Each structure stands twice: as structure tokens, then as C-alpha cells.
């Protein structure tokens, strides 16, 4: 299944996103997506059928020398019925981001 990430920041080319899925409360690694890649095929399995997919995307910014990078996370709940044969779009501009310590 293709997962498409719409980035928060358009002009920073070094950002890479890490994608997780939550399965029975456990965070499982799905894959990564580099800036500039619109969609990427990711393979993941769930232990059982679920009405919703819960994805978590993490990334760091600002990636400038002399400044500490900040780690962020955004959560997405996607209705599984809405994506049976299409791309999963995770738009970071449409959901809140949480700064991680």
C-alpha cells in the first residue's frame, strides 16, 4: 500500500519521516519516507482487522548547524473503509504536531 506524506515544511530537503502504525496499543515500525518522495510503497500487517488505522509520523527539525534539532510527532486516525484501493495520505499540515522531549 502506498503511504503519501504531505510535509509540514516545504523547503527543507534533508527531512526524513518515520512512519509507525499502532496495533493493539503497540507501536510498530512501518518505514521511512524522504523529503521529495511523494508516495512510497510500505508493507505492514496488523494482528487483526481494525475499523481504523492509527499512524504516527515522527521527524526532526530545524536541521540547522549550531541549533539543536527538535523532534515532532503527529497522529493520524484513518477509516479503513476509505482506503481499500487507494493511497493513504498523511498530511502533516492538517493535524497538530506534538514536540517530543
PDB file of N, CA and C in Angstrom:
ATOM      1  N   UNK A   1       0.845  -1.170   0.000  1.00  0.00           N
ATOM      2  CA  UNK A   1       0.000   0.000   0.000  1.00  0.00           C
ATOM      3  C   UNK A   1       0.892   1.235   0.000  1.00  0.00           C
ATOM      4  N   UNK A   2       0.547   2.225  -0.799  1.00  0.00           N
ATOM      5  CA  UNK A   2       1.313   3.469  -0.839  1.00  0.00           C
ATOM      6  C   UNK A   2       0.900   4.374   0.308  1.00  0.00           C
ATOM      7  N   UNK A   3       1.889   4.925   0.981  1.00  0.00           N
ATOM      8  CA  UNK A   3       1.652   5.936   2.007  1.00  0.00           C
ATOM      9  C   UNK A   3       2.274   7.227   1.501  1.00  0.00           C
ATOM     10  N   UNK A   4       1.473   8.289   1.467  1.00  0.00           N
ATOM     11  CA  UNK A   4       1.916   9.586   0.962  1.00  0.00           C
ATOM     12  C   UNK A   4       1.938  10.579   2.121  1.00  0.00           C
ATOM     13  N   UNK A   5       3.080  11.200   2.343  1.00  0.00           N
ATOM     14  CA  UNK A   5       3.196  12.194   3.404  1.00  0.00           C
ATOM     15  C   UNK A   5       3.298  13.571   2.771  1.00  0.00           C
ATOM     16  N   UNK A   6       2.406  14.467   3.188  1.00  0.00           N
ATOM     17  CA  UNK A   6       2.481  15.868   2.792  1.00  0.00           C
ATOM     18  C   UNK A   6       3.253  16.585   3.893  1.00  0.00           C
ATOM     19  N   UNK A   7       4.424  17.143   3.588  1.00  0.00           N
ATOM     20  CA  UNK A   7       5.285  17.686   4.637  1.00  0.00           C
ATOM     21  C   UNK A   7       4.775  18.978   5.257  1.00  0.00           C
ATOM     22  N   UNK A   8       5.238  19.215   6.477  1.00  0.00           N
ATOM     23  CA  UNK A   8       4.942  20.448   7.200  1.00  0.00           C
ATOM     24  C   UNK A   8       5.751  21.598   6.605  1.00  0.00           C
ATOM     25  N   UNK A   9       7.017  21.332   6.303  1.00  0.00           N
ATOM     26  CA  UNK A   9       7.931  22.355   5.797  1.00  0.00           C
ATOM     27  C   UNK A   9       8.304  21.991   4.369  1.00  0.00           C
ATOM     28  N   UNK A  10       8.068  22.890   3.435  1.00  0.00           N
ATOM     29  CA  UNK A  10       8.263  22.585   2.023  1.00  0.00           C
ATOM     30  C   UNK A  10       9.701  22.782   1.538  1.00  0.00           C
ATOM     31  N   UNK A  11      10.481  23.604   2.205  1.00  0.00           N
ATOM     32  CA  UNK A  11      11.767  23.992   1.621  1.00  0.00           C
ATOM     33  C   UNK A  11      12.980  23.323   2.262  1.00  0.00           C
ATOM     34  N   UNK A  12      12.795  22.409   3.172  1.00  0.00           N
ATOM     35  CA  UNK A  12      13.940  21.730   3.789  1.00  0.00           C
ATOM     36  C   UNK A  12      14.044  20.341   3.181  1.00  0.00           C
ATOM     37  N   UNK A  13      15.137  20.089   2.467  1.00  0.00           N
ATOM     38  CA  UNK A  13      15.252  18.851   1.707  1.00  0.00           C
ATOM     39  C   UNK A  13      15.869  17.703   2.504  1.00  0.00           C
ATOM     40  N   UNK A  14      16.348  17.942   3.703  1.00  0.00           N
ATOM     41  CA  UNK A  14      17.013  16.894   4.455  1.00  0.00           C
ATOM     42  C   UNK A  14      16.073  16.121   5.376  1.00  0.00           C
ATOM     43  N   UNK A  15      14.822  16.518   5.475  1.00  0.00           N
ATOM     44  CA  UNK A  15      13.914  15.885   6.428  1.00  0.00           C
ATOM     45  C   UNK A  15      13.518  14.504   5.940  1.00  0.00           C
ATOM     46  N   UNK A  16      13.540  13.575   6.869  1.00  0.00           N
ATOM     47  CA  UNK A  16      13.070  12.222   6.627  1.00  0.00           C
ATOM     48  C   UNK A  16      11.996  11.933   7.661  1.00  0.00           C
ATOM     49  N   UNK A  17      10.960  11.240   7.253  1.00  0.00           N
ATOM     50  CA  UNK A  17       9.841  10.936   8.142  1.00  0.00           C
ATOM     51  C   UNK A  17       9.865   9.455   8.488  1.00  0.00           C
ATOM     52  N   UNK A  18       9.598   9.148   9.738  1.00  0.00           N
ATOM     53  CA  UNK A  18       9.487   7.766  10.181  1.00  0.00           C
ATOM     54  C   UNK A  18       8.021   7.482  10.441  1.00  0.00           C
ATOM     55  N   UNK A  19       7.537   6.375   9.887  1.00  0.00           N
ATOM     56  CA  UNK A  19       6.119   6.036   9.961  1.00  0.00           C
ATOM     57  C   UNK A  19       5.943   4.801  10.831  1.00  0.00           C
ATOM     58  N   UNK A  20       5.002   4.896  11.759  1.00  0.00           N
ATOM     59  CA  UNK A  20       4.637   3.773  12.623  1.00  0.00           C
ATOM     60  C   UNK A  20       3.141   3.528  12.491  1.00  0.00           C
ATOM     61  N   UNK A  21       2.723   2.316  12.832  1.00  0.00           N
ATOM     62  CA  UNK A  21       1.303   2.009  12.953  1.00  0.00           C
ATOM     63  C   UNK A  21       1.090   1.433  14.344  1.00  0.00           C
ATOM     64  N   UNK A  22      -0.047   1.757  14.938  1.00  0.00           N
ATOM     65  CA  UNK A  22      -0.364   1.245  16.269  1.00  0.00           C
ATOM     66  C   UNK A  22      -1.270   0.035  16.091  1.00  0.00           C
ATOM     67  N   UNK A  23      -0.853  -1.082  16.664  1.00  0.00           N
ATOM     68  CA  UNK A  23      -1.591  -2.338  16.582  1.00  0.00           C
ATOM     69  C   UNK A  23      -1.754  -2.878  17.994  1.00  0.00           C
ATOM     70  N   UNK A  24      -2.990  -2.921  18.473  1.00  0.00           N
ATOM     71  CA  UNK A  24      -3.294  -3.375  19.841  1.00  0.00           C
ATOM     72  C   UNK A  24      -2.473  -2.602  20.870  1.00  0.00           C
ATOM     73  N   UNK A  25      -2.357  -1.308  20.669  1.00  0.00           N
ATOM     74  CA  UNK A  25      -1.641  -0.454  21.610  1.00  0.00           C
ATOM     75  C   UNK A  25      -0.136  -0.464  21.457  1.00  0.00           C
ATOM     76  N   UNK A  26       0.383  -1.272  20.559  1.00  0.00           N
ATOM     77  CA  UNK A  26       1.826  -1.372  20.359  1.00  0.00           C
ATOM     78  C   UNK A  26       2.237  -0.618  19.097  1.00  0.00           C
ATOM     79  N   UNK A  27       3.268   0.206  19.224  1.00  0.00           N
ATOM     80  CA  UNK A  27       3.783   0.978  18.088  1.00  0.00           C
ATOM     81  C   UNK A  27       4.720   0.085  17.278  1.00  0.00           C
ATOM     82  N   UNK A  28       4.393  -0.064  15.973  1.00  0.00           N
ATOM     83  CA  UNK A  28       5.202  -0.904  15.090  1.00  0.00           C
ATOM     84  C   UNK A  28       5.754  -0.057  13.948  1.00  0.00           C
ATOM     85  N   UNK A  29       7.026  -0.265  13.654  1.00  0.00           N
ATOM     86  CA  UNK A  29       7.692   0.454  12.573  1.00  0.00           C
ATOM     87  C   UNK A  29       7.114   0.022  11.227  1.00  0.00           C
ATOM     88  N   UNK A  30       6.775   0.998  10.384  1.00  0.00           N
ATOM     89  CA  UNK A  30       6.284   0.723   9.032  1.00  0.00           C
ATOM     90  C   UNK A  30       7.383   1.007   8.018  1.00  0.00           C
ATOM     91  N   UNK A  31       8.006   2.187   8.118  1.00  0.00           N
ATOM     92  CA  UNK A  31       9.046   2.548   7.168  1.00  0.00           C
ATOM     93  C   UNK A  31       9.399   4.012   7.271  1.00  0.00           C
ATOM     94  N   UNK A  32      10.185   4.469   6.312  1.00  0.00           N
ATOM     95  CA  UNK A  32      10.589   5.873   6.272  1.00  0.00           C
ATOM     96  C   UNK A  32      10.232   6.454   4.912  1.00  0.00           C
ATOM     97  N   UNK A  33      10.151   7.753   4.882  1.00  0.00           N
ATOM     98  CA  UNK A  33       9.925   8.452   3.616  1.00  0.00           C
ATOM     99  C   UNK A  33      10.772   9.707   3.623  1.00  0.00           C
ATOM    100  N   UNK A  34      11.564   9.863   2.592  1.00  0.00           N
ATOM    101  CA  UNK A  34      12.449  11.004   2.484  1.00  0.00           C
ATOM    102  C   UNK A  34      11.713  12.167   1.846  1.00  0.00           C
ATOM    103  N   UNK A  35      12.152  13.369   2.181  1.00  0.00           N
ATOM    104  CA  UNK A  35      11.586  14.566   1.559  1.00  0.00           C
ATOM    105  C   UNK A  35      11.794  14.475   0.054  1.00  0.00           C
ATOM    106  N   UNK A  36      10.800  14.884  -0.687  1.00  0.00           N
ATOM    107  CA  UNK A  36      10.886  14.850  -2.141  1.00  0.00           C
ATOM    108  C   UNK A  36      10.266  13.605  -2.743  1.00  0.00           C
ATOM    109  N   UNK A  37       9.966  12.616  -1.908  1.00  0.00           N
ATOM    110  CA  UNK A  37       9.283  11.408  -2.369  1.00  0.00           C
ATOM    111  C   UNK A  37       7.812  11.592  -2.041  1.00  0.00           C
ATOM    112  N   UNK A  38       6.969  11.663  -3.057  1.00  0.00           N
ATOM    113  CA  UNK A  38       5.547  11.920  -2.818  1.00  0.00           C
ATOM    114  C   UNK A  38       4.860  10.759  -2.130  1.00  0.00           C
ATOM    115  N   UNK A  39       5.040   9.577  -2.653  1.00  0.00           N
ATOM    116  CA  UNK A  39       4.414   8.387  -2.088  1.00  0.00           C
ATOM    117  C   UNK A  39       5.426   7.253  -2.152  1.00  0.00           C
ATOM    118  N   UNK A  40       5.326   6.352  -1.214  1.00  0.00           N
ATOM    119  CA  UNK A  40       6.253   5.237  -1.169  1.00  0.00           C
ATOM    120  C   UNK A  40       5.478   4.000  -0.744  1.00  0.00           C
ATOM    121  N   UNK A  41       5.733   2.883  -1.410  1.00  0.00           N
ATOM    122  CA  UNK A  41       5.065   1.645  -1.030  1.00  0.00           C
ATOM    123  C   UNK A  41       5.627   1.172   0.303  1.00  0.00           C
ATOM    124  N   UNK A  42       4.741   0.958   1.245  1.00  0.00           N
ATOM    125  CA  UNK A  42       5.115   0.470   2.571  1.00  0.00           C
ATOM    126  C   UNK A  42       4.353  -0.828   2.819  1.00  0.00           C
ATOM    127  N   UNK A  43       4.990  -1.752   3.475  1.00  0.00           N
ATOM    128  CA  UNK A  43       4.358  -3.028   3.791  1.00  0.00           C
ATOM    129  C   UNK A  43       4.181  -3.123   5.298  1.00  0.00           C
ATOM    130  N   UNK A  44       2.971  -3.424   5.710  1.00  0.00           N
ATOM    131  CA  UNK A  44       2.715  -3.598   7.136  1.00  0.00           C
ATOM    132  C   UNK A  44       1.575  -4.581   7.312  1.00  0.00           C
ATOM    133  N   UNK A  45       1.543  -5.209   8.470  1.00  0.00           N
ATOM    134  CA  UNK A  45       0.463  -6.139   8.798  1.00  0.00           C
ATOM    135  C   UNK A  45      -0.071  -5.791  10.174  1.00  0.00           C
ATOM    136  N   UNK A  46      -1.327  -6.126  10.374  1.00  0.00           N
ATOM    137  CA  UNK A  46      -1.961  -5.940  11.675  1.00  0.00           C
ATOM    138  C   UNK A  46      -2.357  -7.307  12.213  1.00  0.00           C
ATOM    139  N   UNK A  47      -2.427  -7.426  13.522  1.00  0.00           N
ATOM    140  CA  UNK A  47      -2.756  -8.708  14.126  1.00  0.00           C
ATOM    141  C   UNK A  47      -4.216  -9.093  13.920  1.00  0.00           C
ATOM    142  N   UNK A  48      -5.068  -8.110  13.646  1.00  0.00           N
ATOM    143  CA  UNK A  48      -6.484  -8.386  13.391  1.00  0.00           C
ATOM    144  C   UNK A  48      -7.068  -7.245  12.573  1.00  0.00           C
ATOM    145  N   UNK A  49      -8.244  -7.482  12.007  1.00  0.00           N
ATOM    146  CA  UNK A  49      -8.913  -6.411  11.259  1.00  0.00           C
ATOM    147  C   UNK A  49      -9.263  -5.277  12.209  1.00  0.00           C
ATOM    148  N   UNK A  50      -9.198  -4.079  11.693  1.00  0.00           N
ATOM    149  CA  UNK A  50      -9.479  -2.909  12.513  1.00  0.00           C
ATOM    150  C   UNK A  50     -10.327  -1.922  11.712  1.00  0.00           C
ATOM    151  N   UNK A  51     -11.258  -1.229  12.365  1.00  0.00           N
ATOM    152  CA  UNK A  51     -12.068  -0.252  11.632  1.00  0.00           C
ATOM    153  C   UNK A  51     -11.283   1.007  11.264  1.00  0.00           C
ATOM    154  N   UNK A  52     -10.203   1.261  11.995  1.00  0.00           N
ATOM    155  CA  UNK A  52      -9.389   2.457  11.765  1.00  0.00           C
ATOM    156  C   UNK A  52      -7.914   2.100  11.818  1.00  0.00           C
ATOM    157  N   UNK A  53      -7.142   2.790  10.986  1.00  0.00           N
ATOM    158  CA  UNK A  53      -5.692   2.703  11.076  1.00  0.00           C
ATOM    159  C   UNK A  53      -5.211   3.878  11.921  1.00  0.00           C
ATOM    160  N   UNK A  54      -4.291   3.615  12.839  1.00  0.00           N
ATOM    161  CA  UNK A  54      -3.690   4.675  13.648  1.00  0.00           C
ATOM    162  C   UNK A  54      -2.218   4.750  13.250  1.00  0.00           C
ATOM    163  N   UNK A  55      -1.866   5.793  12.500  1.00  0.00           N
ATOM    164  CA  UNK A  55      -0.489   6.013  12.086  1.00  0.00           C
ATOM    165  C   UNK A  55       0.129   7.113  12.933  1.00  0.00           C
ATOM    166  N   UNK A  56       1.420   6.986  13.169  1.00  0.00           N
ATOM    167  CA  UNK A  56       2.209   8.011  13.847  1.00  0.00           C
ATOM    168  C   UNK A  56       3.381   8.342  12.931  1.00  0.00           C
ATOM    169  N   UNK A  57       3.601   9.623  12.702  1.00  0.00           N
ATOM    170  CA  UNK A  57       4.734  10.077  11.887  1.00  0.00           C
ATOM    171  C   UNK A  57       5.622  10.928  12.780  1.00  0.00           C
ATOM    172  N   UNK A  58       6.922  10.634  12.788  1.00  0.00           N
ATOM    173  CA  UNK A  58       7.879  11.436  13.552  1.00  0.00           C
ATOM    174  C   UNK A  58       8.924  12.018  12.594  1.00  0.00           C
ATOM    175  N   UNK A  59       9.453  13.176  12.977  1.00  0.00           N
ATOM    176  CA  UNK A  59      10.504  13.825  12.201  1.00  0.00           C
ATOM    177  C   UNK A  59      11.203  14.824  13.100  1.00  0.00           C
ATOM    178  N   UNK A  60      12.388  15.282  12.662  1.00  0.00           N
ATOM    179  CA  UNK A  60      13.102  16.305  13.429  1.00  0.00           C
ATOM    180  C   UNK A  60      13.322  17.526  12.553  1.00  0.00           C
ATOM    181  N   UNK A  61      13.378  18.667  13.199  1.00  0.00           N
ATOM    182  CA  UNK A  61      13.671  19.936  12.532  1.00  0.00           C
ATOM    183  C   UNK A  61      14.277  20.860  13.575  1.00  0.00           C
ATOM    184  N   UNK A  62      14.964  21.904  13.286  1.00  0.00           N
ATOM    185  CA  UNK A  62      15.082  22.580  12.004  1.00  0.00           C
ATOM    186  C   UNK A  62      16.281  22.160  11.168  1.00  0.00           C
ATOM    187  N   UNK A  63      17.166  21.299  11.673  1.00  0.00           N
ATOM    188  CA  UNK A  63      18.311  20.847  10.891  1.00  0.00           C
ATOM    189  C   UNK A  63      19.248  21.978  10.480  1.00  0.00           C
ATOM    190  N   UNK A  64      19.533  22.868  11.401  1.00  0.00           N
ATOM    191  CA  UNK A  64      20.473  23.953  11.152  1.00  0.00           C
ATOM    192  C   UNK A  64      21.680  23.771  12.058  1.00  0.00           C
ATOM    193  N   UNK A  65      22.864  24.077  11.547  1.00  0.00           N
ATOM    194  CA  UNK A  65      24.075  23.971  12.349  1.00  0.00           C
ATOM    195  C   UNK A  65      24.013  24.946  13.512  1.00  0.00           C
ATOM    196  N   UNK A  66      24.488  24.494  14.660  1.00  0.00           N
ATOM    197  CA  UNK A  66      24.531  25.342  15.837  1.00  0.00           C
ATOM    198  C   UNK A  66      23.235  25.381  16.625  1.00  0.00           C
ATOM    199  N   UNK A  67      22.216  24.685  16.170  1.00  0.00           N
ATOM    200  CA  UNK A  67      20.942  24.636  16.891  1.00  0.00           C
ATOM    201  C   UNK A  67      20.546  23.177  17.070  1.00  0.00           C
ATOM    202  N   UNK A  68      19.987  22.894  18.215  1.00  0.00           N
ATOM    203  CA  UNK A  68      19.523  21.535  18.465  1.00  0.00           C
ATOM    204  C   UNK A  68      18.301  21.231  17.611  1.00  0.00           C
ATOM    205  N   UNK A  69      18.268  20.023  17.091  1.00  0.00           N
ATOM    206  CA  UNK A  69      17.089  19.591  16.350  1.00  0.00           C
ATOM    207  C   UNK A  69      15.955  19.329  17.323  1.00  0.00           C
ATOM    208  N   UNK A  70      14.740  19.564  16.891  1.00  0.00           N
ATOM    209  CA  UNK A  70      13.550  19.300  17.687  1.00  0.00           C
ATOM    210  C   UNK A  70      12.822  18.119  17.071  1.00  0.00           C
ATOM    211  N   UNK A  71      12.384  17.193  17.913  1.00  0.00           N
ATOM    212  CA  UNK A  71      11.677  16.005  17.450  1.00  0.00           C
ATOM    213  C   UNK A  71      10.180  16.227  17.590  1.00  0.00           C
ATOM    214  N   UNK A  72       9.445  15.945  16.514  1.00  0.00           N
ATOM    215  CA  UNK A  72       7.995  16.126  16.492  1.00  0.00           C
ATOM    216  C   UNK A  72       7.300  14.826  16.125  1.00  0.00           C
ATOM    217  N   UNK A  73       6.018  14.783  16.484  1.00  0.00           N
ATOM    218  CA  UNK A  73       5.194  13.617  16.187  1.00  0.00           C
ATOM    219  C   UNK A  73       3.785  14.082  15.851  1.00  0.00           C
ATOM    220  N   UNK A  74       3.175  13.440  14.866  1.00  0.00           N
ATOM    221  CA  UNK A  74       1.771  13.684  14.532  1.00  0.00           C
ATOM    222  C   UNK A  74       1.054  12.346  14.453  1.00  0.00           C
ATOM    223  N   UNK A  75      -0.208  12.344  14.884  1.00  0.00           N
ATOM    224  CA  UNK A  75      -1.031  11.138  14.881  1.00  0.00           C
ATOM    225  C   UNK A  75      -2.140  11.263  13.853  1.00  0.00           C
ATOM    226  N   UNK A  76      -2.433  10.162  13.197  1.00  0.00           N
ATOM    227  CA  UNK A  76      -3.480  10.105  12.179  1.00  0.00           C
ATOM    228  C   UNK A  76      -4.367   8.897  12.445  1.00  0.00           C
ATOM    229  N   UNK A  77      -5.664   9.109  12.482  1.00  0.00           N
ATOM    230  CA  UNK A  77      -6.632   8.017  12.555  1.00  0.00           C
ATOM    231  C   UNK A  77      -7.346   8.006  11.205  1.00  0.00           C
ATOM    232  N   UNK A  78      -7.189   6.923  10.463  1.00  0.00           N
ATOM    233  CA  UNK A  78      -7.731   6.817   9.114  1.00  0.00           C
ATOM    234  C   UNK A  78      -8.757   5.688   9.089  1.00  0.00           C
ATOM    235  N   UNK A  79      -9.949   5.984   8.602  1.00  0.00           N
ATOM    236  CA  UNK A  79     -11.002   4.977   8.466  1.00  0.00           C
ATOM    237  C   UNK A  79     -10.564   3.953   7.422  1.00  0.00           C
ATOM    238  N   UNK A  80     -10.509   2.693   7.805  1.00  0.00           N
ATOM    239  CA  UNK A  80     -10.022   1.658   6.888  1.00  0.00           C
ATOM    240  C   UNK A  80     -10.917   1.496   5.664  1.00  0.00           C
ATOM    241  N   UNK A  81     -12.182   1.845   5.771  1.00  0.00           N
ATOM    242  CA  UNK A  81     -13.088   1.735   4.621  1.00  0.00           C
ATOM    243  C   UNK A  81     -12.796   2.788   3.556  1.00  0.00           C
ATOM    244  N   UNK A  82     -12.141   3.855   3.936  1.00  0.00           N
ATOM    245  CA  UNK A  82     -11.890   4.941   2.983  1.00  0.00           C
ATOM    246  C   UNK A  82     -10.655   4.709   2.121  1.00  0.00           C
ATOM    247  N   UNK A  83      -9.885   3.652   2.389  1.00  0.00           N
ATOM    248  CA  UNK A  83      -8.631   3.459   1.654  1.00  0.00           C
ATOM    249  C   UNK A  83      -8.417   2.046   1.113  1.00  0.00           C
ATOM    250  N   UNK A  84      -9.440   1.308   0.748  1.00  0.00           N
ATOM    251  CA  UNK A  84      -9.179  -0.075   0.345  1.00  0.00           C
ATOM    252  C   UNK A  84      -8.303  -0.217  -0.897  1.00  0.00           C
ATOM    253  N   UNK A  85      -8.408   0.701  -1.854  1.00  0.00           N
ATOM    254  CA  UNK A  85      -7.646   0.564  -3.097  1.00  0.00           C
ATOM    255  C   UNK A  85      -6.913   1.842  -3.474  1.00  0.00           C
ATOM    256  N   UNK A  86      -6.666   2.683  -2.518  1.00  0.00           N
ATOM    257  CA  UNK A  86      -6.029   3.953  -2.850  1.00  0.00           C
ATOM    258  C   UNK A  86      -4.851   4.212  -1.928  1.00  0.00           C
ATOM    259  N   UNK A  87      -4.205   5.339  -2.147  1.00  0.00           N
ATOM    260  CA  UNK A  87      -3.089   5.740  -1.302  1.00  0.00           C
ATOM    261  C   UNK A  87      -3.591   6.216   0.047  1.00  0.00           C
ATOM    262  N   UNK A  88      -2.777   6.014   1.057  1.00  0.00           N
ATOM    263  CA  UNK A  88      -3.028   6.600   2.371  1.00  0.00           C
ATOM    264  C   UNK A  88      -2.287   7.932   2.382  1.00  0.00           C
ATOM    265  N   UNK A  89      -3.010   9.014   2.590  1.00  0.00           N
ATOM    266  CA  UNK A  89      -2.397  10.342   2.597  1.00  0.00           C
ATOM    267  C   UNK A  89      -2.329  10.837   4.033  1.00  0.00           C
ATOM    268  N   UNK A  90      -1.118  11.104   4.499  1.00  0.00           N
ATOM    269  CA  UNK A  90      -0.895  11.638   5.839  1.00  0.00           C
ATOM    270  C   UNK A  90      -0.393  13.067   5.666  1.00  0.00           C
ATOM    271  N   UNK A  91      -1.278  14.023   5.833  1.00  0.00           N
ATOM    272  CA  UNK A  91      -0.966  15.426   5.591  1.00  0.00           C
ATOM    273  C   UNK A  91      -0.588  16.095   6.910  1.00  0.00           C
ATOM    274  N   UNK A  92       0.687  16.383   7.075  1.00  0.00           N
ATOM    275  CA  UNK A  92       1.174  16.981   8.319  1.00  0.00           C
ATOM    276  C   UNK A  92       0.660  18.399   8.523  1.00  0.00           C
ATOM    277  N   UNK A  93       0.159  19.027   7.473  1.00  0.00           N
ATOM    278  CA  UNK A  93      -0.369  20.386   7.598  1.00  0.00           C
ATOM    279  C   UNK A  93      -1.778  20.401   8.179  1.00  0.00           C
ATOM    280  N   UNK A  94      -2.433  19.242   8.235  1.00  0.00           N
ATOM    281  CA  UNK A  94      -3.832  19.194   8.673  1.00  0.00           C
ATOM    282  C   UNK A  94      -4.029  18.655  10.084  1.00  0.00           C
ATOM    283  N   UNK A  95      -2.973  18.231  10.734  1.00  0.00           N
ATOM    284  CA  UNK A  95      -3.105  17.687  12.091  1.00  0.00           C
ATOM    285  C   UNK A  95      -2.123  18.391  13.022  1.00  0.00           C
ATOM    286  N   UNK A  96      -2.431  18.408  14.308  1.00  0.00           N
ATOM    287  CA  UNK A  96      -1.485  19.016  15.250  1.00  0.00           C
ATOM    288  C   UNK A  96      -0.197  18.202  15.332  1.00  0.00           C
ATOM    289  N   UNK A  97       0.873  18.883  15.636  1.00  0.00           N
ATOM    290  CA  UNK A  97       2.134  18.190  15.893  1.00  0.00           C
ATOM    291  C   UNK A  97       2.481  18.377  17.356  1.00  0.00           C
ATOM    292  N   UNK A  98       3.104  17.376  17.910  1.00  0.00           N
ATOM    293  CA  UNK A  98       3.494  17.415  19.315  1.00  0.00           C
ATOM    294  C   UNK A  98       5.011  17.382  19.397  1.00  0.00           C
ATOM    295  N   UNK A  99       5.570  18.304  20.162  1.00  0.00           N
ATOM    296  CA  UNK A  99       7.018  18.331  20.372  1.00  0.00           C
ATOM    297  C   UNK A  99       7.363  17.265  21.400  1.00  0.00           C
ATOM    298  N   UNK A 100       8.332  16.427  21.074  1.00  0.00           N
ATOM    299  CA  UNK A 100       8.765  15.366  21.973  1.00  0.00           C
ATOM    300  C   UNK A 100      10.029  15.798  22.708  1.00  0.00           C
ATOM    301  N   UNK A 101      10.199  15.284  23.895  1.00  0.00           N
ATOM    302  CA  UNK A 101      11.409  15.607  24.675  1.00  0.00           C
ATOM    303  C   UNK A 101      12.538  14.665  24.359  1.00  0.00           C
TER     304      UNK A 101
END
